[in-house]
Amino acid sequence: MLYLYAIFTTCGAALLAAGIVQKRRHDKHLDSIAARIMVNGIRGKSSITRLCAGALRGGGLRVVAKTTGSAARFIWPDATENPVYRKFDIANVEEQIAIVAQAATERPDALVIECMAVQPALQEVNQAQLIRSTIGVLSNVREDHLTEMGPTLEDVARSLCRGLPHGGICVTAESEYMWVLQEEAARRRCRLIYADAESVSEDEMAGFEFFTFKENVAIAIAVAGRLGVSRRDALRGMYEAPPDPGVLTVQTLRVGSKTLRLVNIFAANDPDSTIMNFERLLETNTISAPVFTLINCRPDRIDRNAQMGAIVPRLLTAKLFVIGHPSRSALGAVPGDWGGQAIDLGGDRRDPDAIFRAIVEHVDEQATLVAIGNIHGQGERLLKYLEEHDRLR
């Protein structure tokens, strides 16, 4: 028994010593990076991370960045990037330690990193122990992760605020729950800076070759300004920044004499963001009628499937296609007074070619197909098929 006790004690002491050494090494890496910007919020984090990094590069700063969204990427100071390796393809907040170590070897002026935490307690650990950001970003408060952060949107706002830097600065474009952010920021002696989307002009937005929102641009301009980068230089850097793989895209597909414009809004993933993306496309005349809507359903996102079904009329939908399963979770939520046609193409393993051909049959000459919901499952398989179809055309 004493032998086993001695072994356990020795192992425990060794683990404790290793933990202390790792923490000291991590703290040293953090201290070597003067500006640490952590991007938090419900939507737009990956895009904002890239925009902030681009804005700072535009001002001549040496910047390393890391995104977590649709495709996690480590972005080097020259804006080239590599996928973030994850064992078994499982994300874990502890990967931030390795990211910070890798970033420190580049001797950057700034690190821009997307928050990985969802659980409120992990939000605090991510800030206090892993990143210790000097500038925080809280993009917005939206209806998502209600199980972990909710149940109300006020709860979500307070949960996100657990990642605010104590005694630091936080830039936000959130307006509806600003009162919550102000309360929580005051408790942490954090200075809150509002980035007004209306301060960004249409001429400034015209410089982007990819879709983004004024709110995201305003945040990046504000962050860059805190580090001495002019608005002009920040915008120039953002224009040159590579977009996120999950960015909103419009793909033109042709089958014989028919043309289908595929609008991929899967990355929005919540009703408000989906509608905002759609309205932005209308404002810029990127899409036109007739509009078809495609909802991808997942069995572990029943509530989200229903939320997407509920907004079908707001997307000016003439025809609705539902894929994935259970398709009834979206179809059953479509408002009864909607006057369009619904086509159920659901199933967890339906052939993407069959889905595409069924949609094309409903096109007279041309149409816009707006893809919404969560990309995983049938949505992802369909996009891969369409990408190959377009390449071989």
Protein backbone atom coordinates (compact mmCIF):
# COMPACT_ATOMS: atom_id res chain seq x y z
CA MET A 1 0.00 0.00 0.00
CA LEU A 2 2.81 2.39 0.90
CA TYR A 3 4.45 1.54 -2.42
CA LEU A 4 1.30 2.48 -4.37
CA TYR A 5 0.89 5.65 -2.30
CA ALA A 6 4.48 6.62 -3.10
CA ILE A 7 3.88 6.05 -6.83
CA PHE A 8 0.68 8.12 -6.84
CA THR A 9 2.35 10.90 -4.86
CA THR A 10 5.36 10.96 -7.19
CA CYS A 11 3.16 11.00 -10.30
CA GLY A 12 0.97 13.75 -8.85
CA ALA A 13 4.00 15.86 -8.01
CA ALA A 14 5.41 15.33 -11.51
CA LEU A 15 2.15 16.38 -13.13
CA LEU A 16 1.93 19.45 -10.91
CA ALA A 17 5.49 20.43 -11.77
CA ALA A 18 4.82 19.92 -15.48
CA GLY A 19 1.70 22.08 -15.23
CA ILE A 20 3.61 24.87 -13.50
CA VAL A 21 6.34 24.77 -16.15
CA GLN A 22 3.78 24.84 -18.96
CA LYS A 23 1.94 27.78 -17.41
CA ARG A 24 5.13 29.78 -16.98
CA ARG A 25 6.12 29.05 -20.56
CA HIS A 26 2.65 30.04 -21.80
CA ASP A 27 2.68 33.27 -19.78
CA LYS A 28 6.08 34.11 -21.25
CA HIS A 29 4.72 33.57 -24.76
CA LEU A 30 1.73 35.81 -24.04
CA ASP A 31 3.89 38.56 -22.54
CA SER A 32 6.05 38.58 -25.68
CA ILE A 33 3.03 39.68 -27.76
CA ALA A 34 2.13 43.27 -26.90
CA ALA A 35 -1.35 43.38 -28.46
CA ARG A 36 -3.64 40.39 -28.05
CA ILE A 37 -7.08 40.72 -29.67
CA MET A 38 -9.67 38.05 -28.90
CA VAL A 39 -12.78 38.00 -31.10
CA ASN A 40 -15.93 36.73 -29.40
CA GLY A 41 -19.67 36.82 -30.15
CA ILE A 42 -22.26 34.66 -31.86
CA ARG A 43 -21.85 35.47 -35.55
CA GLY A 44 -19.07 36.80 -37.76
CA LYS A 45 -16.12 35.90 -35.53
CA SER A 46 -13.98 34.32 -38.25
CA SER A 47 -14.65 37.16 -40.69
CA ILE A 48 -13.88 39.79 -38.07
CA THR A 49 -10.67 37.99 -37.10
CA ARG A 50 -9.50 38.11 -40.72
CA LEU A 51 -10.59 41.74 -41.16
CA CYS A 52 -8.80 42.84 -37.98
CA ALA A 53 -5.62 41.05 -39.04
CA GLY A 54 -5.84 42.63 -42.50
CA ALA A 55 -6.47 46.08 -41.06
CA LEU A 56 -3.41 45.82 -38.81
CA ARG A 57 -1.25 44.54 -41.67
CA GLY A 58 -2.42 47.55 -43.65
CA GLY A 59 -0.83 49.72 -40.97
CA GLY A 60 2.50 47.93 -41.27
CA LEU A 61 2.14 45.79 -38.14
CA ARG A 62 3.41 42.24 -38.00
CA VAL A 63 0.30 40.14 -37.28
CA VAL A 64 -0.50 36.51 -36.61
CA ALA A 65 -4.13 35.35 -36.56
CA LYS A 66 -6.12 32.19 -35.93
CA THR A 67 -9.73 31.41 -36.86
CA THR A 68 -11.93 28.65 -35.56
CA GLY A 69 -15.14 28.75 -37.64
CA SER A 70 -16.03 26.79 -40.77
CA ALA A 71 -12.38 25.84 -41.28
CA ALA A 72 -9.84 26.60 -38.52
CA ARG A 73 -6.79 28.37 -39.93
CA PHE A 74 -3.45 29.71 -38.64
CA ILE A 75 -2.66 32.90 -40.58
CA TRP A 76 0.98 33.92 -40.87
CA PRO A 77 2.29 37.52 -40.98
CA ASP A 78 2.40 37.45 -44.81
CA ALA A 79 -1.32 36.46 -44.88
CA THR A 80 -0.63 32.90 -46.03
CA GLU A 81 -2.38 30.28 -43.95
CA ASN A 82 -2.44 26.65 -42.88
CA PRO A 83 -5.24 24.44 -41.52
CA VAL A 84 -5.14 23.91 -37.76
CA TYR A 85 -4.46 20.24 -37.06
CA ARG A 86 -6.84 18.62 -34.60
CA LYS A 87 -6.50 15.07 -33.37
CA PHE A 88 -9.63 13.12 -34.30
CA ASP A 89 -10.92 16.43 -35.76
CA ILE A 90 -12.14 17.50 -32.31
CA ALA A 91 -11.84 21.14 -31.21
CA ASN A 92 -10.60 21.86 -27.70
CA VAL A 93 -9.83 25.23 -26.10
CA GLU A 94 -6.45 23.85 -24.98
CA GLU A 95 -5.25 24.16 -28.58
CA GLN A 96 -4.96 27.90 -27.90
CA ILE A 97 -1.82 27.16 -25.87
CA ALA A 98 -0.05 25.66 -28.89
CA ILE A 99 -1.36 28.49 -31.11
CA VAL A 100 0.07 31.15 -28.79
CA ALA A 101 3.41 29.33 -28.69
CA GLN A 102 3.49 29.15 -32.49
CA ALA A 103 2.51 32.80 -32.76
CA ALA A 104 5.24 33.88 -30.33
CA THR A 105 7.95 32.36 -32.55
CA GLU A 106 6.96 34.90 -35.24
CA ARG A 107 7.63 37.82 -32.86
CA PRO A 108 4.42 39.60 -33.90
CA ASP A 109 3.22 43.05 -32.91
CA ALA A 110 -0.26 41.62 -32.52
CA LEU A 111 -2.14 38.34 -32.26
CA VAL A 112 -5.78 38.23 -33.43
CA ILE A 113 -7.49 35.06 -32.25
CA GLU A 114 -11.05 33.79 -32.39
CA CYS A 115 -12.60 32.69 -29.11
CA MET A 116 -13.27 28.94 -29.04
CA ALA A 117 -15.26 28.73 -25.80
CA VAL A 118 -19.03 28.35 -25.62
CA GLN A 119 -19.62 27.34 -22.00
CA PRO A 120 -19.66 30.46 -19.77
CA ALA A 121 -17.02 29.06 -17.41
CA LEU A 122 -14.72 28.29 -20.34
CA GLN A 123 -15.28 31.82 -21.67
CA GLU A 124 -13.67 33.11 -18.49
CA VAL A 125 -10.84 30.57 -18.55
CA ASN A 126 -10.15 31.36 -22.20
CA GLN A 127 -9.72 35.03 -21.34
CA ALA A 128 -8.09 34.90 -17.92
CA GLN A 129 -5.69 32.00 -18.51
CA LEU A 130 -5.27 31.21 -22.21
CA ILE A 131 -5.30 34.56 -24.06
CA ARG A 132 -5.40 37.45 -21.56
CA SER A 133 -6.51 39.75 -24.36
CA THR A 134 -5.64 43.43 -24.23
CA ILE A 135 -8.43 44.25 -26.67
CA GLY A 136 -11.63 42.23 -26.76
CA VAL A 137 -14.19 42.10 -29.54
CA LEU A 138 -17.82 41.13 -28.96
CA SER A 139 -19.39 41.00 -32.41
CA ASN A 140 -23.06 40.54 -31.54
CA VAL A 141 -25.65 38.75 -29.42
CA ARG A 142 -27.80 36.35 -31.44
CA GLU A 143 -30.11 33.40 -30.86
CA ASP A 144 -27.69 30.49 -30.71
CA HIS A 145 -26.07 28.18 -28.12
CA LEU A 146 -29.09 28.80 -25.90
CA THR A 147 -28.61 25.46 -24.15
CA GLU A 148 -25.11 26.42 -23.00
CA MET A 149 -25.52 30.19 -22.61
CA GLY A 150 -29.27 30.80 -22.35
CA PRO A 151 -32.10 30.40 -22.03
CA THR A 152 -32.65 34.10 -22.84
CA LEU A 153 -30.69 36.44 -25.09
CA GLU A 154 -29.84 38.52 -22.03
CA ASP A 155 -28.23 35.39 -20.57
CA VAL A 156 -26.29 34.91 -23.81
CA ALA A 157 -25.04 38.50 -23.60
CA ARG A 158 -23.88 38.05 -20.00
CA SER A 159 -22.20 34.76 -20.84
CA LEU A 160 -20.26 36.35 -23.68
CA CYS A 161 -19.20 39.16 -21.36
CA ARG A 162 -17.33 36.66 -19.20
CA GLY A 163 -14.66 36.87 -21.90
CA LEU A 164 -14.18 40.64 -21.55
CA PRO A 165 -10.64 41.72 -20.61
CA HIS A 166 -10.41 42.99 -17.02
CA GLY A 167 -9.05 46.52 -17.12
CA GLY A 168 -8.90 46.38 -20.91
CA ILE A 169 -10.91 47.48 -23.93
CA CYS A 170 -13.79 45.83 -25.77
CA VAL A 171 -15.06 46.83 -29.22
CA THR A 172 -18.62 45.85 -30.13
CA ALA A 173 -21.23 46.47 -32.81
CA GLU A 174 -24.04 45.10 -30.61
CA SER A 175 -26.73 47.71 -29.92
CA GLU A 176 -29.85 45.94 -28.64
CA TYR A 177 -28.10 44.46 -25.61
CA MET A 178 -25.63 47.29 -25.11
CA TRP A 179 -27.10 47.91 -21.66
CA VAL A 180 -26.08 44.40 -20.58
CA LEU A 181 -22.60 44.86 -22.05
CA GLN A 182 -22.22 48.18 -20.22
CA GLU A 183 -23.17 46.62 -16.88
CA GLU A 184 -20.78 43.70 -17.31
CA ALA A 185 -17.96 45.89 -18.66
CA ALA A 186 -18.25 48.19 -15.65
CA ARG A 187 -17.82 45.21 -13.31
CA ARG A 188 -14.60 44.33 -15.09
CA ARG A 189 -13.33 47.92 -15.41
CA CYS A 190 -13.39 47.32 -19.16
CA ARG A 191 -13.80 50.27 -21.50
CA LEU A 192 -16.56 49.58 -24.03
CA ILE A 193 -16.22 51.08 -27.53
CA TYR A 194 -19.20 51.04 -29.89
CA ALA A 195 -18.40 50.47 -33.56
CA ASP A 196 -21.21 52.11 -35.51
CA ALA A 197 -22.01 50.30 -38.77
CA GLU A 198 -23.42 53.52 -40.22
CA SER A 199 -19.98 55.11 -40.01
CA VAL A 200 -18.90 52.86 -42.90
CA SER A 201 -19.89 54.26 -46.29
CA GLU A 202 -21.12 52.37 -49.34
CA ASP A 203 -18.03 53.58 -51.21
CA GLU A 204 -15.83 51.96 -48.57
CA MET A 205 -17.82 48.73 -48.81
CA ALA A 206 -17.45 48.72 -52.59
CA GLY A 207 -13.75 47.99 -52.18
CA PHE A 208 -14.41 44.43 -50.96
CA GLU A 209 -14.35 41.60 -53.46
CA PHE A 210 -16.17 39.33 -51.01
CA PHE A 211 -19.34 39.73 -48.95
CA THR A 212 -19.05 41.22 -45.50
CA PHE A 213 -21.08 43.47 -43.22
CA LYS A 214 -20.60 47.10 -42.25
CA GLU A 215 -20.66 46.03 -38.59
CA ASN A 216 -17.65 43.78 -39.11
CA VAL A 217 -15.74 46.46 -41.00
CA ALA A 218 -16.55 49.08 -38.35
CA ILE A 219 -15.20 46.77 -35.63
CA ALA A 220 -11.94 46.17 -37.51
CA ILE A 221 -11.48 49.92 -38.11
CA ALA A 222 -12.01 50.61 -34.40
CA VAL A 223 -9.56 47.88 -33.35
CA ALA A 224 -6.94 49.12 -35.80
CA GLY A 225 -7.42 52.68 -34.58
CA ARG A 226 -6.61 51.59 -31.02
CA LEU A 227 -3.24 50.40 -32.30
CA GLY A 228 -2.47 53.55 -34.26
CA VAL A 229 -3.52 52.42 -37.73
CA SER A 230 -5.32 55.01 -39.85
CA ARG A 231 -8.74 54.35 -41.36
CA ARG A 232 -7.30 54.50 -44.88
CA ASP A 233 -4.55 52.00 -44.14
CA ALA A 234 -6.95 49.73 -42.25
CA LEU A 235 -9.37 49.61 -45.17
CA ARG A 236 -6.58 48.95 -47.65
CA GLY A 237 -5.39 46.04 -45.52
CA MET A 238 -8.91 44.64 -45.25
CA TYR A 239 -9.44 44.79 -49.00
CA GLU A 240 -6.34 42.64 -49.44
CA ALA A 241 -7.19 40.17 -46.67
CA PRO A 242 -8.12 36.64 -47.81
CA PRO A 243 -11.77 35.84 -46.95
CA ASP A 244 -12.84 33.00 -44.68
CA PRO A 245 -13.70 29.68 -46.40
CA GLY A 246 -17.19 29.97 -44.91
CA VAL A 247 -17.84 33.44 -46.34
CA LEU A 248 -21.10 34.09 -48.15
CA THR A 249 -20.73 33.06 -51.80
CA VAL A 250 -22.81 33.18 -54.99
CA GLN A 251 -22.14 30.46 -57.55
CA THR A 252 -23.69 30.43 -61.03
CA LEU A 253 -24.67 26.97 -62.27
CA ARG A 254 -25.86 26.23 -65.79
CA VAL A 255 -27.74 23.15 -66.95
CA GLY A 256 -28.62 23.35 -70.62
CA SER A 257 -30.53 26.60 -71.13
CA LYS A 258 -31.28 27.01 -67.42
CA THR A 259 -29.29 29.17 -64.98
CA LEU A 260 -29.32 28.69 -61.21
CA ARG A 261 -27.54 31.15 -58.88
CA LEU A 262 -26.63 29.27 -55.70
CA VAL A 263 -26.35 31.55 -52.67
CA ASN A 264 -24.56 29.79 -49.80
CA ILE A 265 -25.74 31.34 -46.50
CA PHE A 266 -25.14 28.16 -44.49
CA ALA A 267 -22.47 29.88 -42.37
CA ALA A 268 -25.01 32.38 -40.98
CA ASN A 269 -26.73 29.52 -39.13
CA ASP A 270 -29.30 31.61 -37.21
CA PRO A 271 -32.49 33.40 -38.36
CA ASP A 272 -31.37 37.01 -37.82
CA SER A 273 -28.00 36.56 -39.53
CA THR A 274 -29.61 34.65 -42.40
CA ILE A 275 -32.08 37.46 -43.03
CA MET A 276 -29.34 40.09 -42.77
CA ASN A 277 -27.28 38.25 -45.40
CA PHE A 278 -30.29 37.91 -47.68
CA GLU A 279 -31.22 41.58 -47.38
CA ARG A 280 -27.64 42.60 -48.10
CA LEU A 281 -27.74 40.59 -51.34
CA LEU A 282 -30.99 42.30 -52.33
CA GLU A 283 -29.57 45.75 -51.61
CA THR A 284 -26.59 45.10 -53.87
CA ASN A 285 -28.77 43.57 -56.62
CA THR A 286 -26.71 40.39 -56.40
CA ILE A 287 -29.81 38.20 -56.53
CA SER A 288 -33.15 38.46 -58.29
CA ALA A 289 -36.51 36.71 -58.45
CA PRO A 290 -37.67 34.03 -58.51
CA VAL A 291 -36.11 33.02 -55.20
CA PHE A 292 -36.02 29.37 -54.17
CA THR A 293 -35.01 28.49 -50.61
CA LEU A 294 -33.13 25.32 -49.64
CA ILE A 295 -33.19 24.28 -45.96
CA ASN A 296 -30.78 21.59 -44.78
CA CYS A 297 -32.09 19.77 -41.69
CA ARG A 298 -30.10 17.97 -39.01
CA PRO A 299 -31.50 15.56 -36.41
CA ASP A 300 -29.50 17.27 -33.65
CA ARG A 301 -30.72 20.76 -34.64
CA ILE A 302 -34.49 20.32 -34.54
CA ASP A 303 -35.13 23.78 -33.09
CA ARG A 304 -32.84 25.41 -35.65
CA ASN A 305 -34.56 23.55 -38.50
CA ALA A 306 -37.87 25.00 -37.29
CA GLN A 307 -36.42 28.51 -37.02
CA MET A 308 -35.34 28.33 -40.65
CA GLY A 309 -38.77 27.12 -41.73
CA ALA A 310 -40.38 30.05 -39.92
CA ILE A 311 -38.46 32.69 -41.93
CA VAL A 312 -39.28 31.27 -45.37
CA PRO A 313 -41.72 34.13 -46.23
CA ARG A 314 -39.16 36.78 -45.22
CA LEU A 315 -36.78 35.37 -47.83
CA LEU A 316 -39.38 36.08 -50.55
CA THR A 317 -39.46 32.36 -51.25
CA ALA A 318 -41.43 31.18 -54.27
CA LYS A 319 -40.48 27.51 -53.84
CA LEU A 320 -39.03 25.72 -50.81
CA PHE A 321 -36.81 22.64 -50.96
CA VAL A 322 -36.03 20.75 -47.76
CA ILE A 323 -33.14 18.26 -47.56
CA GLY A 324 -31.57 16.31 -44.71
CA HIS A 325 -33.74 14.91 -41.94
CA PRO A 326 -36.14 15.12 -40.27
CA SER A 327 -37.50 17.36 -43.03
CA ARG A 328 -40.83 17.74 -41.24
CA SER A 329 -39.08 19.76 -38.50
CA ALA A 330 -38.64 22.60 -41.01
CA LEU A 331 -41.75 22.04 -43.12
CA GLY A 332 -44.00 22.03 -40.05
CA ALA A 333 -42.74 25.47 -38.99
CA VAL A 334 -43.46 27.23 -42.30
CA PRO A 335 -46.20 29.83 -41.65
CA GLY A 336 -49.62 28.70 -42.82
CA ASP A 337 -50.27 31.88 -44.78
CA TRP A 338 -47.18 31.45 -46.98
CA GLY A 339 -48.40 30.95 -50.51
CA GLY A 340 -45.42 29.18 -52.10
CA GLN A 341 -44.75 25.56 -52.99
CA ALA A 342 -42.83 23.19 -50.67
CA ILE A 343 -40.90 20.19 -52.03
CA ASP A 344 -39.64 17.57 -49.59
CA LEU A 345 -36.30 16.13 -50.78
CA GLY A 346 -35.34 14.95 -47.31
CA GLY A 347 -33.32 11.94 -46.26
CA ASP A 348 -29.91 11.53 -44.65
CA ARG A 349 -28.37 9.75 -47.64
CA ARG A 350 -30.25 10.97 -50.68
CA ASP A 351 -28.08 11.21 -53.81
CA PRO A 352 -26.91 14.85 -54.31
CA ASP A 353 -27.32 14.44 -58.07
CA ALA A 354 -30.97 13.48 -57.60
CA ILE A 355 -31.49 16.50 -55.33
CA PHE A 356 -29.91 18.87 -57.83
CA ARG A 357 -31.87 17.47 -60.77
CA ALA A 358 -35.13 17.76 -58.82
CA ILE A 359 -34.42 21.42 -58.09
CA VAL A 360 -33.45 22.21 -61.69
CA GLU A 361 -36.74 20.72 -62.91
CA HIS A 362 -38.54 23.57 -61.13
CA VAL A 363 -36.46 26.26 -62.87
CA ASP A 364 -38.09 27.80 -65.96
CA GLU A 365 -35.19 29.86 -67.29
CA GLN A 366 -33.34 31.21 -64.26
CA ALA A 367 -33.71 31.28 -60.48
CA THR A 368 -31.84 32.08 -57.25
CA LEU A 369 -31.40 29.23 -54.77
CA VAL A 370 -30.72 30.44 -51.22
CA ALA A 371 -29.19 27.68 -49.07
CA ILE A 372 -29.79 28.11 -45.32
CA GLY A 373 -29.62 26.15 -42.08
CA ASN A 374 -26.61 24.15 -40.94
CA ILE A 375 -24.18 22.98 -43.62
CA HIS A 376 -23.24 19.61 -42.10
CA GLY A 377 -24.71 16.42 -43.51
CA GLN A 378 -26.66 16.62 -46.75
CA GLY A 379 -25.88 20.32 -47.17
CA GLU A 380 -22.15 19.70 -47.23
CA ARG A 381 -22.51 16.75 -49.60
CA LEU A 382 -24.66 18.78 -51.98
CA LEU A 383 -22.17 21.69 -52.06
CA LYS A 384 -19.28 19.33 -52.81
CA TYR A 385 -21.29 17.79 -55.64
CA LEU A 386 -22.16 21.22 -57.08
CA GLU A 387 -18.55 22.35 -56.87
CA GLU A 388 -17.52 19.32 -58.91
CA HIS A 389 -20.41 19.86 -61.32
CA ASP A 390 -19.29 23.45 -61.92
CA ARG A 391 -15.66 22.41 -62.36
CA LEU A 392 -16.50 19.82 -65.01
CA ARG A 393 -18.93 22.06 -66.86
